[in-house]
Amino acid sequence: MYRLKLQVITAFAAWAVVAACQNSPPAYQNLAENSCPNDDTDLTELRNKLSGSAIVYLPGSTGFKNVTTRWSALDEPKVNVVVVPGTENDVVETVKFANEKDLPFLAYNGVHGALVSLGKMDHGVGIALNQLSSVEVADDGQTVTIGGGTMSKVVTDELWAAGKQTVTGTCECVSYLGPALGGGHGWLQGQHGLVSDQFVSMNVVLADGTLNHINASSDLWWAMKGAGHNFGIVTSITTKIYDIEYSDWAIDTLTFSGDKVEAVYQAANDYLVKNGTQPVGVINWSYWLNNPDADPNNPVIVFYIIQEGVKAVDQAYTKPFHDIGPLSAESQAGTYKDLAAWTGIALDSPPCQKAGFANPRFPIYLERYNVAAQRRAWDIYAPAIRGSSAFSNSILMFEGYSVEAVHSIPSSQSAFAFRSENILAAPLINYIPTNVTLDQKAAELGNQLRNVLFEASGYKDIRAYVNYAYGNETSQQLYGSEKWRQERLHALKQKYDPDNKFSFYAPIP
């Protein structure tokens, strides 16, 4: 069977070059330089079904490299050909073709998924959704329809220009839908809920290659809001939008030395997290990282306090941290559109670049900061990334969004299971993947750090954010351990994807 698949994919590659040579539209001029075969193949049928704006890239072409180069170079999926659909129907035809030829397929756009489970795809068809990029505000100004390949920054910018906004992922270089299908955390979640809580309807290509328009009346709707990567390729989505209530945002950035770990996170518990009652529009974030400008010899804590609707963060939130004695402190004012740059996740920020690094993450949800566990984690992490360590560019992230609107929605209403938690923590072990031994050391470090936080959490099982997952977590750790929840997920999987076509991104076994 494997040899047959390889023969088919080889034929597909040959067909694609033939199609390019015969038709020569601009969309095919970026194909690898190959001489054109003299005879066509039986795969011309698919080309005839694709729109004129569809693009096919082969290995060796600049286009192929551009759409397949991933943010994390660890256990990357391998594809033999990439179809870049120009229309939603192009996705349909590509999936049908892959099914007919018994080829695996994988859809992507921002290529920021870093799960090692993606590496299980070792040949097949890539479906890059980049061309399905659009933002169309409804006439009533209550919803927006977004193309399946639209990036988060594009959504933010287009809506902002229209006087609107919605919940998106925080990082500018990721797609809108990638985070959304796993629930989706964002700056505005305290006001409106998760990204997936905004969904109104969607067009989705299922495993059998059919295009379906679904909404809350479908039994699949529940699964698409938190486990959507397992059930289909969303080609467009309609979601709720809101008038911009506040144009002003402010941030205080405070940098602390490691000896202040206990004081910083005790203050975060007391003045910000407050047992899940963090005020709407107030966010606490922090990174543990190396910053030679702050301390040339040791990692530091970079702590952000963000507030909506003000030109300066309220001193009720900032004074307790200033009193601890930071190495440095900076206050900035601007708009919502400045948040990504302030927190180092804008398009031109280092974490957004695809530079050949491995970027495995090891996420865990927490209700509060356990101060003693924060110290234990620091004492492991700091020496592991200090100085000339291979992991010196790593970051340990703590994301403390406002959670009022997230908590207000019953957990039973979506496949996203972890609504009662207040903090998302994740070691991100950044390094050049040169050998298996180094990969193993990175995994050991990430898991050790996660386990330190888990053991102090009081939970019976690790609760992990699917979009940050390492890739070997259990279904219970990613989608909730309740028996009814697992049974519902598996029943829907059996109904909509019985052959497990969607099995590479945080799969439901």
Protein backbone atom coordinates (compact mmCIF):
# COMPACT_ATOMS: atom_id res chain seq x y z
CA MET A 1 0.00 0.00 0.00
CA TYR A 2 2.79 2.45 0.88
CA ARG A 3 4.53 1.81 -2.47
CA LEU A 4 1.22 2.39 -4.25
CA LYS A 5 0.79 5.73 -2.46
CA LEU A 6 4.29 6.80 -3.46
CA GLN A 7 3.59 5.84 -7.06
CA VAL A 8 0.40 7.87 -7.01
CA ILE A 9 2.07 10.94 -5.54
CA THR A 10 4.86 10.67 -8.10
CA ALA A 11 2.24 10.57 -10.80
CA PHE A 12 0.54 13.58 -9.22
CA ALA A 13 3.81 15.52 -9.36
CA ALA A 14 4.30 14.62 -13.01
CA TRP A 15 0.70 15.60 -13.75
CA ALA A 16 1.11 18.95 -12.08
CA VAL A 17 4.08 19.83 -14.29
CA VAL A 18 2.12 18.73 -17.35
CA ALA A 19 -0.79 20.94 -16.33
CA ALA A 20 1.56 23.85 -15.81
CA CYS A 21 3.19 23.39 -19.21
CA GLN A 22 -0.05 22.93 -21.11
CA ASN A 23 -2.01 25.79 -19.59
CA SER A 24 0.76 28.11 -18.37
CA PRO A 25 -1.41 30.51 -16.38
CA PRO A 26 0.44 33.00 -14.13
CA ALA A 27 -0.47 30.93 -11.09
CA TYR A 28 1.79 28.14 -12.33
CA GLN A 29 4.86 30.13 -13.24
CA ASN A 30 6.46 29.51 -9.84
CA LEU A 31 6.69 25.77 -10.35
CA ALA A 32 10.05 24.05 -10.16
CA GLU A 33 12.11 24.16 -13.30
CA ASN A 34 11.40 20.84 -14.96
CA SER A 35 11.17 19.89 -18.58
CA CYS A 36 7.63 19.24 -19.66
CA PRO A 37 6.70 15.60 -20.22
CA ASN A 38 5.43 14.76 -23.65
CA ASP A 39 2.43 12.81 -22.41
CA ASP A 40 -0.35 13.75 -20.05
CA THR A 41 -1.52 11.64 -17.13
CA ASP A 42 -4.89 10.49 -15.91
CA LEU A 43 -4.71 13.17 -13.22
CA THR A 44 -5.64 15.98 -15.60
CA GLU A 45 -9.21 15.46 -14.44
CA LEU A 46 -8.45 17.21 -11.16
CA ARG A 47 -6.78 20.15 -12.87
CA ASN A 48 -9.86 20.59 -14.99
CA LYS A 49 -11.96 20.76 -11.84
CA LEU A 50 -9.82 23.37 -10.13
CA SER A 51 -10.50 27.05 -10.64
CA GLY A 52 -8.23 29.19 -12.77
CA SER A 53 -6.91 30.88 -9.65
CA ALA A 54 -5.77 27.63 -8.00
CA ILE A 55 -2.02 27.11 -7.72
CA VAL A 56 -0.08 23.86 -7.60
CA TYR A 57 3.44 23.89 -6.18
CA LEU A 58 6.00 21.12 -6.48
CA PRO A 59 9.06 20.43 -4.33
CA GLY A 60 11.99 22.54 -5.46
CA SER A 61 9.93 25.60 -6.31
CA THR A 62 10.08 28.85 -4.39
CA GLY A 63 6.34 28.73 -3.90
CA PHE A 64 6.48 25.24 -2.40
CA LYS A 65 9.16 26.33 0.05
CA ASN A 66 7.26 29.46 1.02
CA VAL A 67 4.01 27.70 1.86
CA THR A 68 5.54 24.66 3.58
CA THR A 69 8.30 26.26 5.69
CA ARG A 70 7.01 26.04 9.24
CA TRP A 71 7.56 28.10 12.36
CA SER A 72 8.77 25.00 14.21
CA ALA A 73 11.28 22.74 12.48
CA LEU A 74 10.61 19.78 14.79
CA ASP A 75 8.75 16.77 13.36
CA GLU A 76 7.41 18.70 10.40
CA PRO A 77 4.77 17.14 8.13
CA LYS A 78 6.08 16.13 4.71
CA VAL A 79 4.04 16.75 1.59
CA ASN A 80 4.85 15.90 -2.01
CA VAL A 81 2.66 18.54 -3.61
CA VAL A 82 0.77 21.61 -2.43
CA VAL A 83 -2.54 22.83 -3.81
CA VAL A 84 -3.31 26.46 -3.04
CA PRO A 85 -7.08 26.72 -3.58
CA GLY A 86 -8.47 29.84 -5.18
CA THR A 87 -12.05 28.99 -4.20
CA GLU A 88 -13.83 26.93 -1.58
CA ASN A 89 -14.69 24.38 -4.25
CA ASP A 90 -10.99 23.88 -4.95
CA VAL A 91 -10.69 22.52 -1.40
CA VAL A 92 -13.56 20.14 -2.13
CA GLU A 93 -11.96 18.83 -5.30
CA THR A 94 -8.54 18.44 -3.70
CA VAL A 95 -9.91 16.46 -0.76
CA LYS A 96 -11.93 14.25 -3.08
CA PHE A 97 -8.86 13.61 -5.20
CA ALA A 98 -6.76 12.70 -2.17
CA ASN A 99 -9.46 10.32 -0.99
CA GLU A 100 -9.74 8.65 -4.37
CA LYS A 101 -6.00 8.05 -4.45
CA ASP A 102 -5.82 7.07 -0.77
CA LEU A 103 -3.45 9.93 -0.02
CA PRO A 104 -3.28 11.77 3.30
CA PHE A 105 -3.95 15.50 3.20
CA LEU A 106 -3.28 18.38 5.55
CA ALA A 107 -4.63 21.93 5.46
CA TYR A 108 -2.69 24.93 6.77
CA ASN A 109 -2.05 28.62 6.29
CA GLY A 110 0.04 30.29 9.01
CA VAL A 111 2.03 27.03 9.53
CA HIS A 112 2.50 27.83 13.23
CA GLY A 113 1.19 24.52 14.53
CA ALA A 114 4.13 22.95 16.37
CA LEU A 115 2.71 19.63 17.53
CA VAL A 116 5.03 16.69 16.96
CA SER A 117 2.00 14.64 15.89
CA LEU A 118 2.16 16.56 12.59
CA GLY A 119 5.33 14.63 11.81
CA LYS A 120 3.27 11.48 11.35
CA MET A 121 2.37 12.76 7.91
CA ASP A 122 5.33 11.61 5.83
CA HIS A 123 3.87 12.10 2.35
CA GLY A 124 0.68 13.41 0.82
CA VAL A 125 -1.14 16.52 -0.29
CA GLY A 126 -0.78 19.91 1.37
CA ILE A 127 -3.72 22.30 1.11
CA ALA A 128 -2.50 25.85 1.74
CA LEU A 129 -5.46 28.15 2.35
CA ASN A 130 -3.51 31.41 1.87
CA GLN A 131 -5.61 32.61 -1.07
CA LEU A 132 -8.88 32.23 0.84
CA SER A 133 -8.26 35.53 2.60
CA SER A 134 -11.18 37.94 2.98
CA VAL A 135 -12.96 40.07 5.57
CA GLU A 136 -16.54 41.09 4.71
CA VAL A 137 -18.56 43.03 7.28
CA ALA A 138 -22.31 42.42 7.09
CA ASP A 139 -24.57 45.35 6.24
CA ASP A 140 -26.03 45.33 9.74
CA GLY A 141 -22.56 45.60 11.30
CA GLN A 142 -23.23 42.67 13.63
CA THR A 143 -21.16 39.95 11.93
CA VAL A 144 -18.21 39.48 9.63
CA THR A 145 -17.49 36.67 7.19
CA ILE A 146 -13.82 35.69 7.15
CA GLY A 147 -12.05 33.51 4.59
CA GLY A 148 -10.49 30.32 5.88
CA GLY A 149 -6.93 31.45 5.19
CA THR A 150 -7.13 34.95 6.64
CA MET A 151 -4.44 35.97 9.10
CA SER A 152 -5.28 37.44 12.50
CA LYS A 153 -3.66 40.80 11.81
CA VAL A 154 -5.67 41.18 8.61
CA VAL A 155 -8.89 40.59 10.54
CA THR A 156 -7.90 43.10 13.23
CA ASP A 157 -6.81 45.78 10.75
CA GLU A 158 -9.83 45.43 8.46
CA LEU A 159 -12.31 45.53 11.32
CA TRP A 160 -10.52 48.42 13.04
CA ALA A 161 -10.80 50.47 9.86
CA ALA A 162 -14.55 49.80 9.94
CA GLY A 163 -14.85 50.81 13.59
CA LYS A 164 -15.29 47.19 14.67
CA GLN A 165 -13.37 44.48 16.47
CA THR A 166 -13.70 40.87 17.55
CA VAL A 167 -11.75 38.32 19.54
CA THR A 168 -8.73 36.96 17.67
CA GLY A 169 -5.55 35.23 18.70
CA THR A 170 -2.95 37.57 20.16
CA CYS A 171 -0.05 36.81 17.83
CA GLU A 172 -0.15 38.77 14.56
CA CYS A 173 1.53 36.12 12.42
CA VAL A 174 -0.93 33.27 13.04
CA SER A 175 -4.11 32.63 11.12
CA TYR A 176 -7.49 33.62 12.48
CA LEU A 177 -8.96 30.11 12.31
CA GLY A 178 -5.98 28.10 13.56
CA PRO A 179 -6.32 29.24 17.18
CA ALA A 180 -10.10 29.59 16.88
CA LEU A 181 -10.75 25.91 16.18
CA GLY A 182 -8.96 25.06 19.44
CA GLY A 183 -11.03 27.56 21.43
CA GLY A 184 -8.80 30.57 20.91
CA HIS A 185 -7.54 32.95 23.58
CA GLY A 186 -7.36 36.68 22.90
CA TRP A 187 -7.03 40.14 24.37
CA LEU A 188 -10.80 40.71 24.29
CA GLN A 189 -11.91 37.42 25.82
CA GLY A 190 -12.78 39.00 29.16
CA GLN A 191 -15.35 41.13 27.36
CA HIS A 192 -16.71 38.63 24.83
CA GLY A 193 -15.40 35.11 25.44
CA LEU A 194 -13.08 32.91 23.40
CA VAL A 195 -12.59 33.28 19.66
CA SER A 196 -14.81 30.23 19.09
CA ASP A 197 -17.54 31.71 21.28
CA GLN A 198 -18.08 34.30 18.54
CA PHE A 199 -18.88 31.74 15.80
CA VAL A 200 -22.23 32.19 14.01
CA SER A 201 -21.89 29.79 11.06
CA MET A 202 -19.24 28.28 8.84
CA ASN A 203 -18.54 26.52 5.58
CA VAL A 204 -16.55 23.37 6.23
CA VAL A 205 -15.22 20.64 3.95
CA LEU A 206 -15.65 17.33 5.72
CA ALA A 207 -13.48 14.24 5.45
CA ASP A 208 -15.58 12.87 2.57
CA GLY A 209 -14.97 15.99 0.49
CA THR A 210 -18.42 17.54 0.86
CA LEU A 211 -18.85 21.25 1.52
CA ASN A 212 -21.32 21.89 4.33
CA HIS A 213 -22.76 25.07 5.79
CA ILE A 214 -23.30 24.52 9.51
CA ASN A 215 -24.40 26.52 12.53
CA ALA A 216 -25.68 25.87 16.04
CA SER A 217 -28.40 23.56 14.70
CA SER A 218 -25.75 20.98 13.69
CA ASP A 219 -24.48 18.37 16.13
CA LEU A 220 -21.01 19.07 14.70
CA TRP A 221 -21.12 22.68 15.91
CA TRP A 222 -20.18 21.69 19.48
CA ALA A 223 -17.04 19.88 18.28
CA MET A 224 -15.88 22.64 15.95
CA LYS A 225 -15.57 24.98 18.95
CA GLY A 226 -12.50 23.51 20.58
CA ALA A 227 -11.67 20.35 18.61
CA GLY A 228 -12.35 21.61 15.11
CA HIS A 229 -9.01 20.53 13.63
CA ASN A 230 -10.26 16.95 13.92
CA PHE A 231 -13.39 17.33 11.84
CA GLY A 232 -12.95 19.44 8.75
CA ILE A 233 -11.34 22.24 6.78
CA VAL A 234 -13.13 25.52 7.42
CA THR A 235 -13.15 27.51 4.20
CA SER A 236 -15.08 30.52 5.53
CA ILE A 237 -16.71 31.53 8.78
CA THR A 238 -19.20 34.11 9.97
CA THR A 239 -18.55 35.46 13.44
CA LYS A 240 -19.80 38.18 15.78
CA ILE A 241 -18.21 41.61 15.80
CA TYR A 242 -18.53 44.60 18.13
CA ASP A 243 -18.23 48.35 18.01
CA ILE A 244 -14.89 49.60 19.31
CA GLU A 245 -15.77 50.70 22.84
CA TYR A 246 -12.34 51.97 23.82
CA SER A 247 -9.62 53.10 21.44
CA ASP A 248 -7.11 53.66 24.26
CA TRP A 249 -4.92 50.89 25.71
CA ALA A 250 -1.92 51.13 28.02
CA ILE A 251 0.81 48.83 29.25
CA ASP A 252 3.40 48.75 32.00
CA THR A 253 6.42 46.54 31.28
CA LEU A 254 8.40 45.63 34.38
CA THR A 255 11.59 43.57 34.34
CA PHE A 256 12.60 41.66 37.48
CA SER A 257 15.58 39.59 38.53
CA GLY A 258 15.01 35.96 39.46
CA ASP A 259 15.22 36.57 43.19
CA LYS A 260 11.88 38.38 42.93
CA VAL A 261 9.92 35.34 41.65
CA GLU A 262 7.90 34.80 44.83
CA ALA A 263 7.09 38.48 45.32
CA VAL A 264 6.05 39.04 41.70
CA TYR A 265 3.63 36.12 41.50
CA GLN A 266 2.21 36.67 44.96
CA ALA A 267 1.39 40.21 43.86
CA ALA A 268 -0.12 38.85 40.65
CA ASN A 269 -2.42 36.58 42.69
CA ASP A 270 -3.38 39.36 45.11
CA TYR A 271 -3.90 42.30 42.76
CA LEU A 272 -4.62 40.85 39.33
CA VAL A 273 -5.78 37.22 39.19
CA LYS A 274 -7.82 37.60 42.40
CA ASN A 275 -9.22 34.06 42.27
CA GLY A 276 -10.64 34.52 38.79
CA THR A 277 -12.09 37.98 39.30
CA GLN A 278 -9.44 39.87 37.34
CA PRO A 279 -11.21 42.99 36.06
CA VAL A 280 -12.49 43.01 32.49
CA GLY A 281 -9.99 44.84 30.34
CA VAL A 282 -7.02 44.07 32.60
CA ILE A 283 -4.46 41.46 31.52
CA ASN A 284 -1.28 40.12 33.13
CA TRP A 285 1.33 38.42 30.99
CA SER A 286 4.89 37.45 31.75
CA TYR A 287 7.89 35.87 30.07
CA TRP A 288 10.94 34.23 31.56
CA LEU A 289 13.79 34.78 29.13
CA ASN A 290 17.34 35.93 28.60
CA ASN A 291 17.72 39.67 28.10
CA PRO A 292 21.39 40.71 28.18
CA ASP A 293 20.43 44.37 28.33
CA ALA A 294 18.68 43.76 31.64
CA ASP A 295 21.06 41.14 33.03
CA PRO A 296 23.99 39.82 30.98
CA ASN A 297 24.40 36.70 33.11
CA ASN A 298 20.95 35.50 34.15
CA PRO A 299 17.41 35.17 32.80
CA VAL A 300 14.86 37.75 33.89
CA ILE A 301 11.12 38.02 34.42
CA VAL A 302 9.39 40.41 32.02
CA PHE A 303 5.98 41.20 33.50
CA TYR A 304 3.27 43.04 31.54
CA ILE A 305 0.21 44.72 33.02
CA ILE A 306 -2.20 45.74 30.24
CA GLN A 307 -5.38 47.78 30.59
CA GLU A 308 -8.12 48.78 28.17
CA GLY A 309 -9.74 52.22 28.06
CA VAL A 310 -6.94 54.21 29.70
CA LYS A 311 -3.86 56.19 28.72
CA ALA A 312 -1.93 54.91 31.74
CA VAL A 313 -2.41 51.67 33.67
CA ASP A 314 -4.16 52.26 36.98
CA GLN A 315 -1.68 52.53 39.85
CA ALA A 316 -3.86 50.17 41.88
CA TYR A 317 -2.46 47.44 39.61
CA THR A 318 1.05 48.73 39.03
CA LYS A 319 2.17 50.13 42.40
CA PRO A 320 2.47 46.72 44.15
CA PHE A 321 4.89 45.64 41.42
CA HIS A 322 6.90 48.85 41.45
CA ASP A 323 7.22 48.41 45.20
CA ILE A 324 8.93 45.03 44.65
CA GLY A 325 11.82 46.76 42.95
CA PRO A 326 12.06 45.99 39.20
CA LEU A 327 15.30 46.25 37.27
CA SER A 328 13.45 48.51 34.86
CA ALA A 329 9.95 49.79 34.19
CA GLU A 330 8.36 51.32 31.11
CA SER A 331 4.89 52.73 30.52
CA GLN A 332 3.37 53.03 27.06
CA ALA A 333 0.05 54.20 25.67
CA GLY A 334 -1.58 53.51 22.32
CA THR A 335 -4.41 51.47 20.82
CA TYR A 336 -5.48 47.85 20.62
CA LYS A 337 -3.34 47.49 17.51
CA ASP A 338 -0.18 48.16 19.54
CA LEU A 339 -0.60 45.18 21.88
CA ALA A 340 1.26 42.64 19.75
CA ALA A 341 4.31 44.87 19.35
CA TRP A 342 4.35 45.76 23.05
CA THR A 343 4.38 42.08 24.01
CA GLY A 344 6.85 40.95 21.33
CA ILE A 345 4.49 39.01 19.05
CA ALA A 346 4.07 41.38 16.09
CA LEU A 347 4.77 40.34 12.51
CA ASP A 348 8.33 41.60 12.72
CA SER A 349 9.03 40.28 16.24
CA PRO A 350 11.56 37.43 16.67
CA PRO A 351 8.94 34.83 17.77
CA CYS A 352 7.11 35.31 14.46
CA GLN A 353 10.08 34.47 12.25
CA LYS A 354 10.59 31.11 10.54
CA ALA A 355 14.30 30.70 11.10
CA GLY A 356 14.75 26.95 11.32
CA PHE A 357 14.25 26.68 15.07
CA ALA A 358 12.35 23.94 16.87
CA ASN A 359 9.64 25.46 19.06
CA PRO A 360 7.97 22.74 21.14
CA ARG A 361 5.62 23.96 23.86
CA PHE A 362 4.30 22.25 26.99
CA PRO A 363 1.11 24.03 28.04
CA ILE A 364 -0.83 23.76 31.28
CA TYR A 365 -3.83 25.65 32.64
CA LEU A 366 -3.75 26.93 36.22
CA GLU A 367 -6.29 28.56 38.51
CA ARG A 368 -3.68 30.71 40.23
CA TYR A 369 0.06 31.09 40.52
CA ASN A 370 1.46 28.68 43.09
CA VAL A 371 4.29 30.80 44.41
CA ALA A 372 6.40 27.91 45.67
CA ALA A 373 6.01 26.09 42.34
CA GLN A 374 7.00 29.23 40.47
CA ARG A 375 10.25 29.23 42.44
CA ARG A 376 10.88 25.53 41.78
CA ALA A 377 10.27 26.05 38.08
CA TRP A 378 12.60 29.05 38.01
CA ASP A 379 15.36 27.08 39.69
CA ILE A 380 15.11 24.46 36.94
CA TYR A 381 14.58 26.81 34.03
CA ALA A 382 17.15 29.53 34.71
CA PRO A 383 20.26 27.31 34.64
CA ALA A 384 18.87 25.35 31.68
CA ILE A 385 18.75 28.41 29.41
CA ARG A 386 21.55 30.51 30.86
CA GLY A 387 24.66 31.50 28.93
CA SER A 388 25.71 29.29 26.02
CA SER A 389 22.92 26.75 26.47
CA ALA A 390 21.40 25.39 23.26
CA PHE A 391 18.08 26.53 24.73
CA SER A 392 19.15 30.12 25.41
CA ASN A 393 16.41 31.63 23.22
CA SER A 394 13.63 29.82 25.06
CA ILE A 395 10.68 31.54 26.72
CA LEU A 396 8.43 30.42 29.56
CA MET A 397 5.09 32.14 29.04
CA PHE A 398 2.36 32.94 31.55
CA GLU A 399 -0.81 34.35 30.00
CA GLY A 400 -3.30 35.80 32.45
CA TYR A 401 -6.24 37.15 30.46
CA SER A 402 -9.40 38.53 31.92
CA VAL A 403 -11.84 35.62 32.08
CA GLU A 404 -15.25 37.01 32.99
CA ALA A 405 -16.97 36.27 29.69
CA VAL A 406 -15.16 32.93 29.32
CA HIS A 407 -16.36 31.81 32.75
CA SER A 408 -19.91 32.94 32.01
CA ILE A 409 -20.41 30.32 29.29
CA PRO A 410 -21.13 26.78 30.52
CA SER A 411 -18.32 24.34 29.78
CA SER A 412 -20.85 21.89 28.33
CA GLN A 413 -21.57 24.20 25.40
CA SER A 414 -18.37 23.50 23.46
CA ALA A 415 -15.58 21.00 23.00
CA PHE A 416 -13.27 23.51 24.67
CA ALA A 417 -13.24 22.11 28.18
CA PHE A 418 -11.13 24.38 30.37
CA ARG A 419 -13.27 27.44 31.11
CA SER A 420 -12.75 27.58 34.86
CA GLU A 421 -8.99 28.16 34.63
CA ASN A 422 -7.47 31.63 34.88
CA ILE A 423 -3.86 31.28 33.67
CA LEU A 424 -2.24 29.58 30.69
CA ALA A 425 1.40 28.64 31.22
CA ALA A 426 3.71 27.17 28.60
CA PRO A 427 7.45 26.57 28.39
CA LEU A 428 8.56 27.18 24.80
CA ILE A 429 11.91 25.46 24.31
CA ASN A 430 13.57 27.17 21.35
CA TYR A 431 16.65 25.60 19.73
CA ILE A 432 18.23 24.48 16.47
CA PRO A 433 17.22 20.80 16.05
CA THR A 434 20.57 19.19 15.22
CA ASN A 435 20.09 15.69 16.64
CA VAL A 436 17.66 13.37 18.41
CA THR A 437 19.52 13.65 21.71
CA LEU A 438 18.95 17.41 21.78
CA ASP A 439 15.27 16.89 20.90
CA GLN A 440 14.96 14.53 23.84
CA LYS A 441 16.64 17.00 26.21
CA ALA A 442 14.26 19.72 25.09
CA ALA A 443 11.27 17.47 25.70
CA GLU A 444 12.61 16.47 29.10
CA LEU A 445 13.05 20.10 30.11
CA GLY A 446 9.62 21.13 28.89
CA ASN A 447 7.87 18.22 30.56
CA GLN A 448 9.80 18.71 33.80
CA LEU A 449 8.70 22.32 33.99
CA ARG A 450 5.10 21.48 33.18
CA ASN A 451 5.08 18.73 35.79
CA VAL A 452 6.37 21.09 38.50
CA LEU A 453 3.41 23.39 37.82
CA PHE A 454 0.99 20.47 37.52
CA GLU A 455 1.99 18.87 40.81
CA ALA A 456 1.16 22.12 42.59
CA SER A 457 -2.09 22.74 40.69
CA GLY A 458 -4.34 20.41 42.66
CA TYR A 459 -5.67 18.88 39.46
CA LYS A 460 -5.86 15.14 38.84
CA ASP A 461 -4.72 15.49 35.25
CA ILE A 462 -2.81 17.99 33.15
CA ARG A 463 -5.11 20.45 31.40
CA ALA A 464 -3.42 21.55 28.19
CA TYR A 465 -4.32 24.15 25.57
CA VAL A 466 -4.59 22.25 22.31
CA ASN A 467 -3.03 25.02 20.18
CA TYR A 468 0.12 25.02 22.32
CA ALA A 469 0.30 21.26 22.75
CA TYR A 470 3.54 19.35 22.41
CA GLY A 471 1.73 16.63 20.51
CA ASN A 472 1.84 13.56 22.75
CA GLU A 473 -0.83 14.64 25.24
CA THR A 474 -3.83 12.37 25.76
CA SER A 475 -7.29 13.17 24.49
CA GLN A 476 -8.35 13.75 28.10
CA GLN A 477 -5.56 16.27 28.66
CA LEU A 478 -6.49 18.21 25.53
CA TYR A 479 -10.28 17.95 25.46
CA GLY A 480 -11.32 17.28 29.05
CA SER A 481 -11.44 14.13 31.14
CA GLU A 482 -15.20 13.92 31.72
CA LYS A 483 -16.58 10.63 30.44
CA TRP A 484 -19.52 12.27 28.69
CA ARG A 485 -17.19 14.69 26.90
CA GLN A 486 -14.92 11.96 25.56
CA GLU A 487 -17.89 9.84 24.50
CA ARG A 488 -19.43 12.76 22.63
CA LEU A 489 -16.17 13.56 20.84
CA HIS A 490 -15.61 9.96 19.81
CA ALA A 491 -19.20 9.56 18.61
CA LEU A 492 -18.91 12.66 16.43
CA LYS A 493 -15.54 11.52 15.14
CA GLN A 494 -17.02 8.17 14.14
CA LYS A 495 -19.91 9.91 12.40
CA TYR A 496 -18.01 12.60 10.51
CA ASP A 497 -14.51 11.16 10.09
CA PRO A 498 -14.69 7.38 10.54
CA ASP A 499 -11.49 6.83 8.54
CA ASN A 500 -9.56 9.34 10.66
CA LYS A 501 -8.54 11.54 7.75
CA PHE A 502 -7.96 14.41 10.17
CA SER A 503 -5.40 12.66 12.34
CA PHE A 504 -2.30 14.84 12.47
CA TYR A 505 -3.18 17.88 14.60
CA ALA A 506 -3.95 16.87 18.21
CA PRO A 507 -5.92 13.83 17.02
CA ILE A 508 -8.82 12.22 18.81
CA PRO A 509 -7.75 8.55 18.93
